PDB file of all heavy atoms in Angstrom:
ATOM      1  N   VAL A   1     104.014 111.108  94.109  1.00  0.00           N
ATOM      2  CA  VAL A   1     104.451 110.368  92.925  1.00  0.00           C
ATOM      3  C   VAL A   1     104.391 111.269  91.695  1.00  0.00           C
ATOM      4  O   VAL A   1     105.306 111.277  90.860  1.00  0.00           O
ATOM      5  CB  VAL A   1     103.593 109.103  92.722  1.00  0.00           C
ATOM      6  CG1 VAL A   1     103.931 108.422  91.392  1.00  0.00           C
ATOM      7  CG2 VAL A   1     103.797 108.132  93.877  1.00  0.00           C
ATOM      8  N   VAL A   2     103.306 112.047  91.591  1.00  0.00           N
ATOM      9  CA  VAL A   2     103.173 112.983  90.470  1.00  0.00           C
ATOM     10  C   VAL A   2     104.340 113.968  90.468  1.00  0.00           C
ATOM     11  O   VAL A   2     104.923 114.279  89.413  1.00  0.00           O
ATOM     12  CB  VAL A   2     101.822 113.731  90.561  1.00  0.00           C
ATOM     13  CG1 VAL A   2     101.796 114.892  89.569  1.00  0.00           C
ATOM     14  CG2 VAL A   2     100.670 112.777  90.283  1.00  0.00           C
ATOM     15  N   ALA A   3     104.698 114.465  91.659  1.00  0.00           N
ATOM     16  CA  ALA A   3     105.803 115.428  91.767  1.00  0.00           C
ATOM     17  C   ALA A   3     107.113 114.812  91.287  1.00  0.00           C
ATOM     18  O   ALA A   3     107.889 115.440  90.546  1.00  0.00           O
ATOM     19  CB  ALA A   3     105.933 115.911  93.208  1.00  0.00           C
ATOM     20  N   LYS A   4     107.378 113.582  91.693  1.00  0.00           N
ATOM     21  CA  LYS A   4     108.620 112.921  91.290  1.00  0.00           C
ATOM     22  C   LYS A   4     108.650 112.667  89.784  1.00  0.00           C
ATOM     23  O   LYS A   4     109.694 112.803  89.143  1.00  0.00           O
ATOM     24  CB  LYS A   4     108.774 111.605  92.040  1.00  0.00           C
ATOM     25  CG  LYS A   4     109.058 111.787  93.525  1.00  0.00           C
ATOM     26  CD  LYS A   4     109.109 110.448  94.243  1.00  0.00           C
ATOM     27  CE  LYS A   4     109.328 110.651  95.746  1.00  0.00           C
ATOM     28  NZ  LYS A   4     109.300 109.358  96.484  1.00  0.00           N
ATOM     29  N   LEU A   5     107.492 112.313  89.216  1.00  0.00           N
ATOM     30  CA  LEU A   5     107.434 112.093  87.776  1.00  0.00           C
ATOM     31  C   LEU A   5     107.732 113.387  87.015  1.00  0.00           C
ATOM     32  O   LEU A   5     108.368 113.367  85.960  1.00  0.00           O
ATOM     33  CB  LEU A   5     106.056 111.557  87.378  1.00  0.00           C
ATOM     34  CG  LEU A   5     105.721 110.130  87.818  1.00  0.00           C
ATOM     35  CD1 LEU A   5     104.268 109.792  87.504  1.00  0.00           C
ATOM     36  CD2 LEU A   5     106.637 109.116  87.154  1.00  0.00           C
ATOM     37  N   SER A   6     107.253 114.498  87.545  1.00  0.00           N
ATOM     38  CA  SER A   6     107.489 115.794  86.900  1.00  0.00           C
ATOM     39  C   SER A   6     108.947 116.223  87.030  1.00  0.00           C
ATOM     40  O   SER A   6     109.544 116.743  86.082  1.00  0.00           O
ATOM     41  CB  SER A   6     106.577 116.857  87.510  1.00  0.00           C
ATOM     42  OG  SER A   6     105.215 116.506  87.346  1.00  0.00           O
ATOM     43  N   GLU A   7     109.515 115.987  88.205  1.00  0.00           N
ATOM     44  CA  GLU A   7     110.896 116.404  88.465  1.00  0.00           C
ATOM     45  C   GLU A   7     111.896 115.601  87.639  1.00  0.00           C
ATOM     46  O   GLU A   7     112.944 116.100  87.237  1.00  0.00           O
ATOM     47  CB  GLU A   7     111.229 116.248  89.950  1.00  0.00           C
ATOM     48  CG  GLU A   7     110.473 117.219  90.842  1.00  0.00           C
ATOM     49  CD  GLU A   7     110.600 116.848  92.317  1.00  0.00           C
ATOM     50  OE1 GLU A   7     111.321 115.855  92.611  1.00  0.00           O
ATOM     51  OE2 GLU A   7     109.986 117.511  93.159  1.00  0.00           O
ATOM     52  N   GLN A   8     111.586 114.336  87.393  1.00  0.00           N
ATOM     53  CA  GLN A   8     112.528 113.448  86.715  1.00  0.00           C
ATOM     54  C   GLN A   8     111.941 112.951  85.394  1.00  0.00           C
ATOM     55  O   GLN A   8     111.969 111.766  85.089  1.00  0.00           O
ATOM     56  CB  GLN A   8     112.867 112.265  87.627  1.00  0.00           C
ATOM     57  CG  GLN A   8     113.362 112.670  89.003  1.00  0.00           C
ATOM     58  CD  GLN A   8     113.477 111.478  89.932  1.00  0.00           C
ATOM     59  OE1 GLN A   8     113.770 110.363  89.514  1.00  0.00           O
ATOM     60  NE2 GLN A   8     113.244 111.714  91.211  1.00  0.00           N
ATOM     61  N   SER A   9     111.374 113.882  84.617  1.00  0.00           N
ATOM     62  CA  SER A   9     110.649 113.502  83.402  1.00  0.00           C
ATOM     63  C   SER A   9     111.525 112.744  82.396  1.00  0.00           C
ATOM     64  O   SER A   9     111.017 111.933  81.622  1.00  0.00           O
ATOM     65  CB  SER A   9     110.061 114.750  82.745  1.00  0.00           C
ATOM     66  OG  SER A   9     111.089 115.688  82.464  1.00  0.00           O
ATOM     67  N   GLN A  10     112.853 112.988  82.391  1.00  0.00           N
ATOM     68  CA  GLN A  10     113.718 112.311  81.430  1.00  0.00           C
ATOM     69  C   GLN A  10     113.779 110.807  81.655  1.00  0.00           C
ATOM     70  O   GLN A  10     114.030 110.037  80.738  1.00  0.00           O
ATOM     71  CB  GLN A  10     115.136 112.901  81.508  1.00  0.00           C
ATOM     72  CG  GLN A  10     115.233 114.352  81.051  1.00  0.00           C
ATOM     73  CD  GLN A  10     114.731 114.549  79.626  1.00  0.00           C
ATOM     74  OE1 GLN A  10     115.092 113.771  78.739  1.00  0.00           O
ATOM     75  NE2 GLN A  10     113.910 115.561  79.410  1.00  0.00           N
ATOM     76  N   ARG A  11     113.546 110.412  82.897  1.00  0.00           N
ATOM     77  CA  ARG A  11     113.595 108.967  83.215  1.00  0.00           C
ATOM     78  C   ARG A  11     112.325 108.250  82.779  1.00  0.00           C
ATOM     79  O   ARG A  11     112.305 107.020  82.706  1.00  0.00           O
ATOM     80  CB  ARG A  11     113.763 108.755  84.727  1.00  0.00           C
ATOM     81  CG  ARG A  11     115.121 109.116  85.272  1.00  0.00           C
ATOM     82  CD  ARG A  11     115.243 108.585  86.696  1.00  0.00           C
ATOM     83  NE  ARG A  11     115.157 107.125  86.727  1.00  0.00           N
ATOM     84  CZ  ARG A  11     114.735 106.425  87.778  1.00  0.00           C
ATOM     85  NH1 ARG A  11     114.327 107.051  88.871  1.00  0.00           N
ATOM     86  NH2 ARG A  11     114.708 105.112  87.737  1.00  0.00           N
ATOM     87  N   TYR A  12     111.260 109.021  82.512  1.00  0.00           N
ATOM     88  CA  TYR A  12     109.962 108.410  82.248  1.00  0.00           C
ATOM     89  C   TYR A  12     109.454 108.881  80.886  1.00  0.00           C
ATOM     90  O   TYR A  12     108.716 109.872  80.795  1.00  0.00           O
ATOM     91  CB  TYR A  12     108.979 108.773  83.355  1.00  0.00           C
ATOM     92  CG  TYR A  12     109.520 108.510  84.742  1.00  0.00           C
ATOM     93  CD1 TYR A  12     109.900 109.566  85.572  1.00  0.00           C
ATOM     94  CD2 TYR A  12     109.683 107.212  85.197  1.00  0.00           C
ATOM     95  CE1 TYR A  12     110.414 109.329  86.832  1.00  0.00           C
ATOM     96  CE2 TYR A  12     110.192 106.966  86.461  1.00  0.00           C
ATOM     97  CZ  TYR A  12     110.562 108.025  87.272  1.00  0.00           C
ATOM     98  OH  TYR A  12     111.080 107.782  88.519  1.00  0.00           O
ATOM     99  N   PRO A  13     109.824 108.193  79.825  1.00  0.00           N
ATOM    100  CA  PRO A  13     109.451 108.621  78.470  1.00  0.00           C
ATOM    101  C   PRO A  13     107.942 108.630  78.258  1.00  0.00           C
ATOM    102  O   PRO A  13     107.238 107.682  78.620  1.00  0.00           O
ATOM    103  CB  PRO A  13     110.124 107.583  77.575  1.00  0.00           C
ATOM    104  CG  PRO A  13     110.342 106.391  78.451  1.00  0.00           C
ATOM    105  CD  PRO A  13     110.600 106.949  79.816  1.00  0.00           C
ATOM    106  N   GLY A  14     107.465 109.742  77.671  1.00  0.00           N
ATOM    107  CA  GLY A  14     106.068 109.829  77.260  1.00  0.00           C
ATOM    108  C   GLY A  14     105.064 109.986  78.378  1.00  0.00           C
ATOM    109  O   GLY A  14     103.852 109.918  78.134  1.00  0.00           O
ATOM    110  N   VAL A  15     105.512 110.211  79.620  1.00  0.00           N
ATOM    111  CA  VAL A  15     104.578 110.283  80.743  1.00  0.00           C
ATOM    112  C   VAL A  15     103.789 111.587  80.702  1.00  0.00           C
ATOM    113  O   VAL A  15     104.355 112.672  80.501  1.00  0.00           O
ATOM    114  CB  VAL A  15     105.311 110.147  82.089  1.00  0.00           C
ATOM    115  CG1 VAL A  15     104.414 110.568  83.242  1.00  0.00           C
ATOM    116  CG2 VAL A  15     105.752 108.713  82.290  1.00  0.00           C
ATOM    117  N   ARG A  16     102.480 111.468  80.874  1.00  0.00           N
ATOM    118  CA  ARG A  16     101.608 112.625  81.001  1.00  0.00           C
ATOM    119  C   ARG A  16     100.758 112.437  82.244  1.00  0.00           C
ATOM    120  O   ARG A  16     100.236 111.341  82.483  1.00  0.00           O
ATOM    121  CB  ARG A  16     100.686 112.760  79.782  1.00  0.00           C
ATOM    122  CG  ARG A  16     101.399 113.116  78.503  1.00  0.00           C
ATOM    123  CD  ARG A  16     100.461 113.098  77.306  1.00  0.00           C
ATOM    124  NE  ARG A  16      99.250 113.895  77.529  1.00  0.00           N
ATOM    125  CZ  ARG A  16      98.336 114.113  76.582  1.00  0.00           C
ATOM    126  NH1 ARG A  16      98.502 113.593  75.379  1.00  0.00           N
ATOM    127  NH2 ARG A  16      97.276 114.839  76.819  1.00  0.00           N
ATOM    128  N   VAL A  17     100.626 113.491  83.029  1.00  0.00           N
ATOM    129  CA  VAL A  17      99.730 113.467  84.183  1.00  0.00           C
ATOM    130  C   VAL A  17      98.471 114.226  83.798  1.00  0.00           C
ATOM    131  O   VAL A  17      98.541 115.394  83.406  1.00  0.00           O
ATOM    132  CB  VAL A  17     100.387 114.092  85.426  1.00  0.00           C
ATOM    133  CG1 VAL A  17      99.398 114.124  86.578  1.00  0.00           C
ATOM    134  CG2 VAL A  17     101.622 113.307  85.816  1.00  0.00           C
ATOM    135  N   GLU A  18      97.331 113.544  83.851  1.00  0.00           N
ATOM    136  CA  GLU A  18      96.072 114.148  83.441  1.00  0.00           C
ATOM    137  C   GLU A  18      95.070 114.126  84.581  1.00  0.00           C
ATOM    138  O   GLU A  18      95.123 113.251  85.451  1.00  0.00           O
ATOM    139  CB  GLU A  18      95.484 113.393  82.243  1.00  0.00           C
ATOM    140  CG  GLU A  18      96.370 113.375  81.019  1.00  0.00           C
ATOM    141  CD  GLU A  18      95.707 112.664  79.858  1.00  0.00           C
ATOM    142  OE1 GLU A  18      94.788 111.858  80.114  1.00  0.00           O
ATOM    143  OE2 GLU A  18      96.090 112.917  78.711  1.00  0.00           O
ATOM    144  N   GLN A  19      94.164 115.083  84.554  1.00  0.00           N
ATOM    145  CA  GLN A  19      93.050 115.054  85.493  1.00  0.00           C
ATOM    146  C   GLN A  19      91.854 114.451  84.770  1.00  0.00           C
ATOM    147  O   GLN A  19      91.417 114.951  83.737  1.00  0.00           O
ATOM    148  CB  GLN A  19      92.707 116.462  85.995  1.00  0.00           C
ATOM    149  CG  GLN A  19      91.576 116.446  87.036  1.00  0.00           C
ATOM    150  CD  GLN A  19      91.403 117.793  87.711  1.00  0.00           C
ATOM    151  OE1 GLN A  19      92.244 118.222  88.485  1.00  0.00           O
ATOM    152  NE2 GLN A  19      90.298 118.461  87.430  1.00  0.00           N
ATOM    153  N   ILE A  20      91.350 113.356  85.291  1.00  0.00           N
ATOM    154  CA  ILE A  20      90.210 112.688  84.675  1.00  0.00           C
ATOM    155  C   ILE A  20      89.101 112.529  85.718  1.00  0.00           C
ATOM    156  O   ILE A  20      89.324 112.724  86.911  1.00  0.00           O
ATOM    157  CB  ILE A  20      90.599 111.304  84.113  1.00  0.00           C
ATOM    158  CG1 ILE A  20      91.037 110.369  85.254  1.00  0.00           C
ATOM    159  CG2 ILE A  20      91.674 111.419  83.052  1.00  0.00           C
ATOM    160  CD1 ILE A  20      91.240 108.939  84.815  1.00  0.00           C
ATOM    161  N   ALA A  21      87.916 112.177  85.239  1.00  0.00           N
ATOM    162  CA  ALA A  21      86.789 111.931  86.136  1.00  0.00           C
ATOM    163  C   ALA A  21      86.588 110.430  86.293  1.00  0.00           C
ATOM    164  O   ALA A  21      86.587 109.698  85.300  1.00  0.00           O
ATOM    165  CB  ALA A  21      85.520 112.571  85.585  1.00  0.00           C
ATOM    166  N   VAL A  22      86.448 109.975  87.517  1.00  0.00           N
ATOM    167  CA  VAL A  22      86.168 108.569  87.792  1.00  0.00           C
ATOM    168  C   VAL A  22      84.961 108.473  88.712  1.00  0.00           C
ATOM    169  O   VAL A  22      84.563 109.453  89.352  1.00  0.00           O
ATOM    170  CB  VAL A  22      87.380 107.844  88.432  1.00  0.00           C
ATOM    171  CG1 VAL A  22      88.560 107.826  87.498  1.00  0.00           C
ATOM    172  CG2 VAL A  22      87.752 108.491  89.760  1.00  0.00           C
ATOM    173  N   ARG A  23      84.378 107.302  88.787  1.00  0.00           N
ATOM    174  CA  ARG A  23      83.216 107.090  89.651  1.00  0.00           C
ATOM    175  C   ARG A  23      83.616 107.162  91.120  1.00  0.00           C
ATOM    176  O   ARG A  23      84.686 106.688  91.515  1.00  0.00           O
ATOM    177  CB  ARG A  23      82.582 105.730  89.374  1.00  0.00           C
ATOM    178  CG  ARG A  23      81.876 105.614  88.043  1.00  0.00           C
ATOM    179  CD  ARG A  23      80.925 106.728  87.779  1.00  0.00           C
ATOM    180  NE  ARG A  23      79.569 106.304  87.481  1.00  0.00           N
ATOM    181  CZ  ARG A  23      78.574 107.140  87.243  1.00  0.00           C
ATOM    182  NH1 ARG A  23      78.783 108.445  87.296  1.00  0.00           N
ATOM    183  NH2 ARG A  23      77.367 106.694  86.983  1.00  0.00           N
ATOM    184  N   GLU A  24      82.732 107.739  91.921  1.00  0.00           N
ATOM    185  CA  GLU A  24      82.931 107.802  93.361  1.00  0.00           C
ATOM    186  C   GLU A  24      81.693 107.275  94.052  1.00  0.00           C
ATOM    187  O   GLU A  24      80.567 107.520  93.600  1.00  0.00           O
ATOM    188  CB  GLU A  24      83.212 109.234  93.810  1.00  0.00           C
ATOM    189  CG  GLU A  24      83.497 109.341  95.309  1.00  0.00           C
ATOM    190  CD  GLU A  24      83.885 110.742  95.721  1.00  0.00           C
ATOM    191  OE1 GLU A  24      83.234 111.705  95.262  1.00  0.00           O
ATOM    192  OE2 GLU A  24      84.842 110.879  96.495  1.00  0.00           O
ATOM    193  N   TYR A  25      81.897 106.559  95.137  1.00  0.00           N
ATOM    194  CA  TYR A  25      80.803 105.903  95.854  1.00  0.00           C
ATOM    195  C   TYR A  25      80.767 106.439  97.290  1.00  0.00           C
ATOM    196  O   TYR A  25      81.464 105.919  98.163  1.00  0.00           O
ATOM    197  CB  TYR A  25      81.003 104.386  95.833  1.00  0.00           C
ATOM    198  CG  TYR A  25      81.191 103.857  94.422  1.00  0.00           C
ATOM    199  CD1 TYR A  25      82.463 103.725  93.870  1.00  0.00           C
ATOM    200  CD2 TYR A  25      80.099 103.540  93.646  1.00  0.00           C
ATOM    201  CE1 TYR A  25      82.633 103.280  92.571  1.00  0.00           C
ATOM    202  CE2 TYR A  25      80.257 103.085  92.342  1.00  0.00           C
ATOM    203  CZ  TYR A  25      81.526 102.964  91.814  1.00  0.00           C
ATOM    204  OH  TYR A  25      81.681 102.513  90.516  1.00  0.00           O
ATOM    205  N   PRO A  26      79.961 107.477  97.543  1.00  0.00           N
ATOM    206  CA  PRO A  26      79.931 108.106  98.873  1.00  0.00           C
ATOM    207  C   PRO A  26      79.592 107.137  99.998  1.00  0.00           C
ATOM    208  O   PRO A  26      80.018 107.346 101.136  1.00  0.00           O
ATOM    209  CB  PRO A  26      78.850 109.184  98.721  1.00  0.00           C
ATOM    210  CG  PRO A  26      78.836 109.501  97.260  1.00  0.00           C
ATOM    211  CD  PRO A  26      79.121 108.205  96.582  1.00  0.00           C
ATOM    212  N   PHE A  27      78.831 106.080  99.701  1.00  0.00           N
ATOM    213  CA  PHE A  27      78.468 105.106 100.726  1.00  0.00           C
ATOM    214  C   PHE A  27      79.289 103.820 100.609  1.00  0.00           C
ATOM    215  O   PHE A  27      78.888 102.778 101.140  1.00  0.00           O
ATOM    216  CB  PHE A  27      76.968 104.794 100.646  1.00  0.00           C
ATOM    217  CG  PHE A  27      76.089 105.946 101.053  1.00  0.00           C
ATOM    218  CD1 PHE A  27      75.644 106.846 100.103  1.00  0.00           C
ATOM    219  CD2 PHE A  27      75.743 106.144 102.378  1.00  0.00           C
ATOM    220  CE1 PHE A  27      74.847 107.929 100.465  1.00  0.00           C
ATOM    221  CE2 PHE A  27      74.946 107.213 102.752  1.00  0.00           C
ATOM    222  CZ  PHE A  27      74.497 108.116 101.791  1.00  0.00           C
ATOM    223  N   GLY A  28      80.421 103.916  99.932  1.00  0.00           N
ATOM    224  CA  GLY A  28      81.297 102.754  99.818  1.00  0.00           C
ATOM    225  C   GLY A  28      80.642 101.633  99.043  1.00  0.00           C
ATOM    226  O   GLY A  28      80.098 101.828  97.957  1.00  0.00           O
ATOM    227  N   SER A  29      80.647 100.447  99.619  1.00  0.00           N
ATOM    228  CA  SER A  29      80.116  99.269  98.929  1.00  0.00           C
ATOM    229  C   SER A  29      78.612  99.084  99.128  1.00  0.00           C
ATOM    230  O   SER A  29      78.036  98.133  98.599  1.00  0.00           O
ATOM    231  CB  SER A  29      80.843  98.013  99.417  1.00  0.00           C
ATOM    232  OG  SER A  29      80.614  97.815 100.799  1.00  0.00           O
ATOM    233  N   VAL A  30      77.959  99.987  99.863  1.00  0.00           N
ATOM    234  CA  VAL A  30      76.513  99.856 100.098  1.00  0.00           C
ATOM    235  C   VAL A  30      75.773  99.910  98.757  1.00  0.00           C
ATOM    236  O   VAL A  30      75.963 100.826  97.963  1.00  0.00           O
ATOM    237  CB  VAL A  30      75.995 100.972 101.036  1.00  0.00           C
ATOM    238  CG1 VAL A  30      74.472 100.914 101.153  1.00  0.00           C
ATOM    239  CG2 VAL A  30      76.639 100.841 102.413  1.00  0.00           C
ATOM    240  N   GLY A  31      74.943  98.912  98.520  1.00  0.00           N
ATOM    241  CA  GLY A  31      74.163  98.865  97.289  1.00  0.00           C
ATOM    242  C   GLY A  31      74.931  98.436  96.062  1.00  0.00           C
ATOM    243  O   GLY A  31      74.473  98.647  94.930  1.00  0.00           O
ATOM    244  N   ALA A  32      76.087  97.802  96.253  1.00  0.00           N
ATOM    245  CA  ALA A  32      76.950  97.473  95.113  1.00  0.00           C
ATOM    246  C   ALA A  32      76.232  96.661  94.041  1.00  0.00           C
ATOM    247  O   ALA A  32      76.399  96.905  92.843  1.00  0.00           O
ATOM    248  CB  ALA A  32      78.191  96.722  95.606  1.00  0.00           C
ATOM    249  N   HIS A  33      75.429  95.689  94.448  1.00  0.00           N
ATOM    250  CA  HIS A  33      74.784  94.819  93.462  1.00  0.00           C
ATOM    251  C   HIS A  33      73.684  95.540  92.691  1.00  0.00           C
ATOM    252  O   HIS A  33      73.399  95.183  91.539  1.00  0.00           O
ATOM    253  CB  HIS A  33      74.222  93.576  94.139  1.00  0.00           C
ATOM    254  CG  HIS A  33      75.282  92.657  94.645  1.00  0.00           C
ATOM    255  ND1 HIS A  33      75.734  92.677  95.940  1.00  0.00           N
ATOM    256  CD2 HIS A  33      76.015  91.702  94.014  1.00  0.00           C
ATOM    257  CE1 HIS A  33      76.675  91.774  96.093  1.00  0.00           C
ATOM    258  NE2 HIS A  33      76.871  91.168  94.942  1.00  0.00           N
ATOM    259  N   VAL A  34      73.052  96.515  93.293  1.00  0.00           N
ATOM    260  CA  VAL A  34      72.062  97.307  92.576  1.00  0.00           C
ATOM    261  C   VAL A  34      72.766  98.278  91.633  1.00  0.00           C
ATOM    262  O   VAL A  34      72.413  98.399  90.465  1.00  0.00           O
ATOM    263  CB  VAL A  34      71.165  98.095  93.554  1.00  0.00           C
ATOM    264  CG1 VAL A  34      70.124  98.904  92.774  1.00  0.00           C
ATOM    265  CG2 VAL A  34      70.475  97.164  94.525  1.00  0.00           C
ATOM    266  N   LEU A  35      73.779  98.960  92.144  1.00  0.00           N
ATOM    267  CA  LEU A  35      74.455  99.997  91.378  1.00  0.00           C
ATOM    268  C   LEU A  35      75.292  99.417  90.248  1.00  0.00           C
ATOM    269  O   LEU A  35      75.334  99.963  89.144  1.00  0.00           O
ATOM    270  CB  LEU A  35      75.347 100.828  92.302  1.00  0.00           C
ATOM    271  CG  LEU A  35      74.629 101.515  93.467  1.00  0.00           C
ATOM    272  CD1 LEU A  35      75.633 102.168  94.393  1.00  0.00           C
ATOM    273  CD2 LEU A  35      73.624 102.528  92.956  1.00  0.00           C
ATOM    274  N   GLY A  36      75.999  98.327  90.500  1.00  0.00           N
ATOM    275  CA  GLY A  36      76.889  97.750  89.506  1.00  0.00           C
ATOM    276  C   GLY A  36      78.217  98.472  89.464  1.00  0.00           C
ATOM    277  O   GLY A  36      78.566  99.243  90.362  1.00  0.00           O
ATOM    278  N   TYR A  37      78.971  98.247  88.401  1.00  0.00           N
ATOM    279  CA  TYR A  37      80.293  98.863  88.269  1.00  0.00           C
ATOM    280  C   TYR A  37      80.551  99.171  86.798  1.00  0.00           C
ATOM    281  O   TYR A  37      79.791  98.757  85.915  1.00  0.00           O
ATOM    282  CB  TYR A  37      81.386  97.948  88.829  1.00  0.00           C
ATOM    283  CG  TYR A  37      81.474  96.594  88.157  1.00  0.00           C
ATOM    284  CD1 TYR A  37      82.316  96.381  87.070  1.00  0.00           C
ATOM    285  CD2 TYR A  37      80.717  95.510  88.607  1.00  0.00           C
ATOM    286  CE1 TYR A  37      82.403  95.146  86.453  1.00  0.00           C
ATOM    287  CE2 TYR A  37      80.793  94.269  87.996  1.00  0.00           C
ATOM    288  CZ  TYR A  37      81.638  94.093  86.919  1.00  0.00           C
ATOM    289  OH  TYR A  37      81.717  92.870  86.301  1.00  0.00           O
ATOM    290  N   THR A  38      81.614  99.910  86.538  1.00  0.00           N
ATOM    291  CA  THR A  38      81.967 100.276  85.169  1.00  0.00           C
ATOM    292  C   THR A  38      83.310  99.669  84.790  1.00  0.00           C
ATOM    293  O   THR A  38      84.108  99.302  85.651  1.00  0.00           O
ATOM    294  CB  THR A  38      82.044 101.806  85.009  1.00  0.00           C
ATOM    295  OG1 THR A  38      83.009 102.325  85.937  1.00  0.00           O
ATOM    296  CG2 THR A  38      80.696 102.458  85.256  1.00  0.00           C
ATOM    297  N   GLY A  39      83.567  99.593  83.514  1.00  0.00           N
ATOM    298  CA  GLY A  39      84.838  99.063  83.021  1.00  0.00           C
ATOM    299  C   GLY A  39      84.970  99.355  81.538  1.00  0.00           C
ATOM    300  O   GLY A  39      84.039  99.854  80.895  1.00  0.00           O
ATOM    301  N   GLU A  40      86.122  99.033  81.000  1.00  0.00           N
ATOM    302  CA  GLU A  40      86.377  99.298  79.587  1.00  0.00           C
ATOM    303  C   GLU A  40      85.524  98.382  78.715  1.00  0.00           C
ATOM    304  O   GLU A  40      85.378  97.187  78.990  1.00  0.00           O
ATOM    305  CB  GLU A  40      87.860  99.071  79.301  1.00  0.00           C
ATOM    306  CG  GLU A  40      88.318  99.598  77.965  1.00  0.00           C
ATOM    307  CD  GLU A  40      89.828  99.515  77.795  1.00  0.00           C
ATOM    308  OE1 GLU A  40      90.535 100.194  78.557  1.00  0.00           O
ATOM    309  OE2 GLU A  40      90.280  98.758  76.915  1.00  0.00           O
TER     310      GLU A  40
END
């Protein structure tokens, strides 16, 4: 999808592809209620 957005940038005004950091859960949902979650 990133490749297509780059190739056809004129069709997608203002699009920027950025590398950001997000939370990762190595054990999946294990401990979800203790760990909690993040949001805006």
